[in-house]
N, C-alpha and C. Protein backbone atom coordinates (compact mmCIF):
# COMPACT_ATOMS: atom_id res chain seq x y z
N UNK A 1 26.87 49.66 -11.37
CA UNK A 1 25.43 50.07 -11.36
C UNK A 1 25.18 50.32 -10.19
N UNK A 2 24.65 51.33 -9.91
CA UNK A 2 23.56 52.17 -8.75
C UNK A 2 22.44 51.41 -8.58
N UNK A 3 22.57 50.35 -7.13
CA UNK A 3 20.74 49.69 -7.32
C UNK A 3 20.17 50.88 -6.64
N UNK A 4 18.69 50.50 -7.17
CA UNK A 4 17.77 51.42 -6.78
C UNK A 4 17.11 51.38 -5.48
N UNK A 5 16.43 49.99 -5.00
CA UNK A 5 16.12 49.64 -4.20
C UNK A 5 14.87 50.24 -3.95
N UNK A 6 13.63 50.32 -4.94
CA UNK A 6 12.54 50.67 -4.78
C UNK A 6 11.67 49.17 -5.53
N UNK A 7 10.26 49.45 -4.78
CA UNK A 7 9.72 48.41 -4.89
C UNK A 7 8.64 48.74 -5.43
N UNK A 8 7.89 47.84 -6.50
CA UNK A 8 6.41 48.06 -6.97
C UNK A 8 5.41 47.07 -6.70
N UNK A 9 4.42 47.44 -6.50
CA UNK A 9 3.26 46.28 -6.68
C UNK A 9 2.21 46.76 -7.87
N UNK A 10 2.54 45.49 -8.77
CA UNK A 10 1.71 45.73 -10.24
C UNK A 10 0.68 44.73 -10.23
N UNK A 11 -0.71 44.85 -10.61
CA UNK A 11 -1.80 44.05 -10.25
C UNK A 11 -1.72 43.65 -12.10
N UNK A 12 -2.13 42.27 -12.17
CA UNK A 12 -2.31 41.58 -13.64
C UNK A 12 -3.87 41.83 -13.97
N UNK A 13 -3.94 41.26 -15.15
CA UNK A 13 -5.18 41.31 -15.73
C UNK A 13 -6.46 40.58 -15.02
N UNK A 14 -6.03 39.66 -14.05
CA UNK A 14 -6.85 39.02 -13.07
C UNK A 14 -7.03 39.16 -11.69
N UNK A 15 -6.28 40.25 -11.44
CA UNK A 15 -6.19 41.11 -10.01
C UNK A 15 -5.30 40.81 -9.49
N UNK A 16 -4.59 39.81 -9.57
CA UNK A 16 -3.32 39.41 -8.54
C UNK A 16 -2.04 40.45 -8.62
N UNK A 17 -1.62 40.81 -7.68
CA UNK A 17 -0.59 41.59 -6.93
C UNK A 17 0.85 40.82 -7.14
N UNK A 18 1.65 41.58 -7.92
CA UNK A 18 2.89 40.94 -8.00
C UNK A 18 3.78 42.40 -7.85
N UNK A 19 4.83 41.55 -6.74
CA UNK A 19 6.06 42.44 -6.38
C UNK A 19 7.02 42.62 -7.36
N UNK A 20 7.73 43.74 -7.72
CA UNK A 20 8.66 43.87 -8.47
C UNK A 20 9.84 45.00 -7.92
N UNK A 21 11.04 44.46 -8.01
CA UNK A 21 11.94 45.38 -8.07
C UNK A 21 12.80 46.38 -8.88
N UNK A 22 12.63 47.76 -8.62
CA UNK A 22 13.34 48.41 -9.92
C UNK A 22 14.80 48.56 -10.20
N UNK A 23 15.11 47.96 -10.89
CA UNK A 23 16.33 47.92 -11.46
C UNK A 23 17.05 49.00 -11.76
N UNK A 24 16.35 49.56 -12.78
CA UNK A 24 16.66 50.86 -13.42
C UNK A 24 15.62 51.36 -14.23
N UNK A 25 15.89 52.60 -14.61
CA UNK A 25 15.15 53.74 -15.26
C UNK A 25 16.17 54.14 -16.41
N UNK A 26 15.62 53.77 -17.99
CA UNK A 26 16.33 54.35 -18.95
C UNK A 26 15.65 55.30 -19.87
N UNK A 27 16.37 55.77 -20.53
CA UNK A 27 15.64 56.77 -21.94
C UNK A 27 16.06 56.06 -23.00
N UNK A 28 15.58 55.68 -23.93
CA UNK A 28 15.79 55.30 -25.08
C UNK A 28 14.89 55.69 -26.41
N UNK A 29 15.57 56.48 -27.09
CA UNK A 29 14.73 57.11 -28.44
C UNK A 29 13.56 58.20 -27.89
N UNK A 30 14.01 59.10 -26.67
CA UNK A 30 13.10 59.78 -26.12
C UNK A 30 11.93 58.95 -25.36
N UNK A 31 12.08 57.62 -25.09
CA UNK A 31 11.02 57.12 -24.21
C UNK A 31 11.51 56.50 -23.19
N UNK A 32 10.89 56.60 -21.98
CA UNK A 32 11.18 55.86 -21.26
C UNK A 32 10.73 54.89 -20.56
N UNK A 33 11.89 54.07 -19.93
CA UNK A 33 11.38 52.62 -19.79
C UNK A 33 12.03 52.17 -18.07
N UNK A 34 11.16 51.22 -17.59
CA UNK A 34 11.68 50.54 -16.23
C UNK A 34 12.04 49.14 -16.62
N UNK A 35 13.38 48.87 -15.86
CA UNK A 35 13.77 47.87 -15.83
C UNK A 35 13.52 47.14 -14.53
N UNK A 36 12.61 46.08 -14.52
CA UNK A 36 12.11 45.56 -13.05
C UNK A 36 12.33 43.83 -13.11
N UNK A 37 12.47 43.62 -11.63
CA UNK A 37 12.73 42.14 -11.75
C UNK A 37 11.68 41.80 -10.75
N UNK A 38 11.22 40.48 -10.83
CA UNK A 38 9.99 40.20 -9.94
C UNK A 38 10.78 39.64 -9.02
N UNK A 39 9.77 39.89 -7.51
CA UNK A 39 10.52 39.18 -6.10
C UNK A 39 10.20 38.10 -6.16
N UNK A 40 8.95 37.53 -6.74
CA UNK A 40 8.51 36.42 -6.24
C UNK A 40 8.76 35.15 -7.40
N UNK A 41 9.29 34.05 -7.11
CA UNK A 41 9.63 33.12 -8.69
C UNK A 41 8.73 32.79 -9.00
N UNK A 42 8.13 33.43 -10.65
CA UNK A 42 7.29 32.92 -11.31
C UNK A 42 7.45 31.49 -11.64
N UNK A 43 6.23 30.64 -11.84
CA UNK A 43 6.36 29.02 -12.56
C UNK A 43 7.25 29.10 -13.67
N UNK A 44 8.35 28.12 -13.46
CA UNK A 44 9.38 28.01 -14.31
C UNK A 44 8.76 27.49 -15.62
N UNK A 45 7.87 26.63 -15.67
CA UNK A 45 7.12 26.29 -16.97
C UNK A 45 6.36 27.68 -17.83
N UNK A 46 6.28 28.40 -16.80
CA UNK A 46 5.54 29.77 -17.67
C UNK A 46 6.32 30.03 -18.17
N UNK A 47 7.97 30.48 -17.54
CA UNK A 47 8.63 31.44 -18.40
C UNK A 47 9.85 30.51 -19.31
N UNK A 48 9.61 29.29 -19.22
CA UNK A 48 10.42 28.51 -20.02
C UNK A 48 11.82 28.73 -19.37
N UNK A 49 11.79 28.45 -17.89
CA UNK A 49 13.19 28.49 -16.92
C UNK A 49 13.56 29.79 -16.90
N UNK A 50 12.95 30.97 -17.24
CA UNK A 50 13.75 32.12 -17.22
C UNK A 50 13.21 33.08 -16.10
N UNK A 51 13.25 32.27 -14.78
CA UNK A 51 12.53 32.86 -13.68
C UNK A 51 13.48 34.39 -13.03
N UNK A 52 14.79 34.52 -13.71
CA UNK A 52 15.38 35.67 -12.94
C UNK A 52 15.63 36.72 -14.32
N UNK A 53 14.89 37.01 -15.43
CA UNK A 53 14.85 37.64 -16.55
C UNK A 53 14.51 38.93 -16.16
N UNK A 54 14.82 40.25 -16.32
CA UNK A 54 14.35 41.29 -15.93
C UNK A 54 13.17 41.60 -16.93
N UNK A 55 12.20 42.45 -16.71
CA UNK A 55 10.97 42.71 -17.59
C UNK A 55 11.38 44.51 -18.01
N UNK A 56 10.65 44.31 -18.89
CA UNK A 56 11.00 45.95 -19.58
C UNK A 56 9.67 46.60 -20.13
N UNK A 57 9.43 47.66 -18.92
CA UNK A 57 8.09 48.13 -19.23
C UNK A 57 8.41 49.48 -19.82
N UNK A 58 7.35 50.18 -20.84
CA UNK A 58 7.30 51.63 -21.26
C UNK A 58 6.77 52.38 -20.00
N UNK A 59 7.03 53.58 -19.87
CA UNK A 59 6.69 54.54 -18.67
C UNK A 59 5.87 55.50 -19.80
N UNK A 60 4.55 55.52 -19.56
CA UNK A 60 3.78 56.23 -20.29
C UNK A 60 2.86 57.52 -19.37
N UNK A 61 2.83 58.50 -20.18
CA UNK A 61 2.37 59.21 -18.96
C UNK A 61 0.74 59.49 -19.64
N UNK A 62 -0.34 59.47 -18.64
CA UNK A 62 -1.87 59.82 -18.92
C UNK A 62 -2.45 60.61 -18.00
N UNK A 63 -3.65 60.85 -18.43
CA UNK A 63 -4.30 62.06 -17.23
C UNK A 63 -4.00 61.73 -15.70
N UNK A 64 -4.01 60.32 -15.45
CA UNK A 64 -4.16 59.88 -14.21
C UNK A 64 -2.44 59.77 -13.53
N UNK A 65 -1.26 60.04 -14.49
CA UNK A 65 -0.20 59.87 -13.95
C UNK A 65 0.56 58.75 -14.90
N UNK A 66 1.43 58.27 -14.21
CA UNK A 66 2.44 57.45 -15.09
C UNK A 66 2.06 56.04 -14.77
N UNK A 67 1.77 55.45 -16.21
CA UNK A 67 1.41 53.66 -16.30
C UNK A 67 2.60 53.05 -16.67
N UNK A 68 2.78 51.86 -16.51
CA UNK A 68 3.58 51.25 -17.31
C UNK A 68 2.99 49.96 -18.13
N UNK A 69 3.31 49.91 -19.19
CA UNK A 69 3.27 49.43 -20.53
C UNK A 69 4.21 48.40 -20.88
N UNK A 70 3.65 46.64 -20.83
CA UNK A 70 4.88 46.10 -20.91
C UNK A 70 5.14 46.34 -22.51
N UNK A 71 6.64 46.34 -22.91
CA UNK A 71 7.07 46.02 -24.23
C UNK A 71 6.69 44.76 -25.14
N UNK A 72 5.90 44.63 -25.93
CA UNK A 72 5.84 43.47 -26.62
C UNK A 72 6.15 43.69 -28.09
N UNK A 73 6.69 44.57 -28.80
CA UNK A 73 7.52 44.48 -29.96
C UNK A 73 8.97 43.99 -29.57
N UNK A 74 9.23 43.11 -30.59
CA UNK A 74 10.56 42.53 -30.40
C UNK A 74 11.40 43.62 -30.59
N UNK A 75 11.19 44.33 -31.54
CA UNK A 75 12.83 45.21 -31.97
C UNK A 75 12.84 46.43 -30.70
N UNK A 76 11.71 47.20 -30.47
CA UNK A 76 12.13 47.93 -29.34
C UNK A 76 12.23 47.21 -27.90
N UNK A 77 12.27 46.18 -27.89
CA UNK A 77 12.53 45.40 -26.38
C UNK A 77 14.22 45.18 -26.60
N UNK A 78 14.53 45.09 -27.83
CA UNK A 78 15.70 44.50 -28.19
C UNK A 78 16.79 46.02 -27.93
N UNK A 79 16.20 46.84 -28.63
CA UNK A 79 16.16 48.16 -28.73
C UNK A 79 16.75 48.77 -27.06
N UNK A 80 15.73 48.47 -26.11
CA UNK A 80 15.92 48.68 -24.58
C UNK A 80 17.00 47.91 -24.09
N UNK A 81 16.89 46.68 -24.23
CA UNK A 81 18.22 45.61 -23.69
C UNK A 81 19.26 46.01 -24.00
N UNK A 82 19.42 46.13 -25.36
CA UNK A 82 20.86 46.37 -25.73
C UNK A 82 21.35 47.51 -25.01
N UNK A 83 20.47 49.06 -25.12
CA UNK A 83 20.99 50.24 -24.52
C UNK A 83 21.25 50.14 -22.96
N UNK A 84 20.31 49.33 -22.17
CA UNK A 84 20.68 48.89 -20.56
C UNK A 84 21.84 48.17 -20.75
N UNK A 85 21.89 47.22 -21.55
CA UNK A 85 23.29 46.51 -21.51
C UNK A 85 24.52 47.19 -21.39
N UNK A 86 24.47 47.96 -22.35
CA UNK A 86 25.66 48.74 -22.87
C UNK A 86 26.00 49.92 -21.56
N UNK A 87 24.75 50.53 -21.07
CA UNK A 87 24.88 51.29 -20.13
C UNK A 87 25.48 50.41 -18.48
N UNK A 88 25.01 49.07 -18.71
CA UNK A 88 25.28 48.72 -17.48
C UNK A 88 27.00 48.22 -17.58
N UNK A 89 27.57 48.02 -18.71
CA UNK A 89 28.70 47.56 -18.92
C UNK A 89 29.65 48.78 -18.89
N UNK A 90 29.16 50.07 -19.04
CA UNK A 90 29.78 51.42 -19.00
C UNK A 90 29.84 51.85 -17.49
N UNK A 91 29.14 51.25 -16.68
CA UNK A 91 29.33 51.28 -15.19
C UNK A 91 29.87 50.52 -14.39
N UNK A 92 30.03 49.44 -15.17
CA UNK A 92 30.84 48.67 -14.41
C UNK A 92 32.60 48.89 -14.98
N UNK A 93 33.00 49.24 -16.06
CA UNK A 93 33.89 50.04 -16.51
C UNK A 93 34.38 51.08 -15.60
N UNK A 94 33.41 51.98 -15.21
CA UNK A 94 34.02 53.12 -14.59
C UNK A 94 34.24 52.61 -12.90
N UNK A 95 33.11 51.73 -12.54
CA UNK A 95 33.45 51.03 -11.32
C UNK A 95 35.13 50.35 -11.09
N UNK A 96 35.49 49.74 -12.19
CA UNK A 96 36.71 49.40 -12.04
C UNK A 96 37.72 49.96 -11.89
N UNK A 97 37.65 51.53 -12.91
CA UNK A 97 38.40 52.54 -12.91
C UNK A 97 38.81 53.21 -11.51
N UNK A 98 37.77 53.13 -10.81
CA UNK A 98 37.55 54.02 -9.55
C UNK A 98 38.46 53.00 -8.26
N UNK A 99 38.28 51.73 -8.75
CA UNK A 99 38.98 50.60 -7.82
C UNK A 99 40.59 50.65 -7.98
N UNK A 100 40.56 51.00 -9.52
CA UNK A 100 42.03 51.00 -9.53
C UNK A 100 43.15 51.73 -8.88
């Protein structure tokens, strides 16, 4: 999979800034999603030890431009995660074919 090397600064509800690396952008069911990884290690207790998990945001267009919305619906999150995983596996297979 091609690395994007883009960095976003997102501000949470408390006004605290967080840096994220854009891992990928993907379309699922005609909606665009951003797959992001946090740069700073979150508190392990807050994430149940999942400090390296990607976060899925839905990209929404409003009058001011694009905004990112956290995907809170479990089914939607699973659909996007599955599509991203399948895409990553396809990319890995293509890379292996090129190396052969």
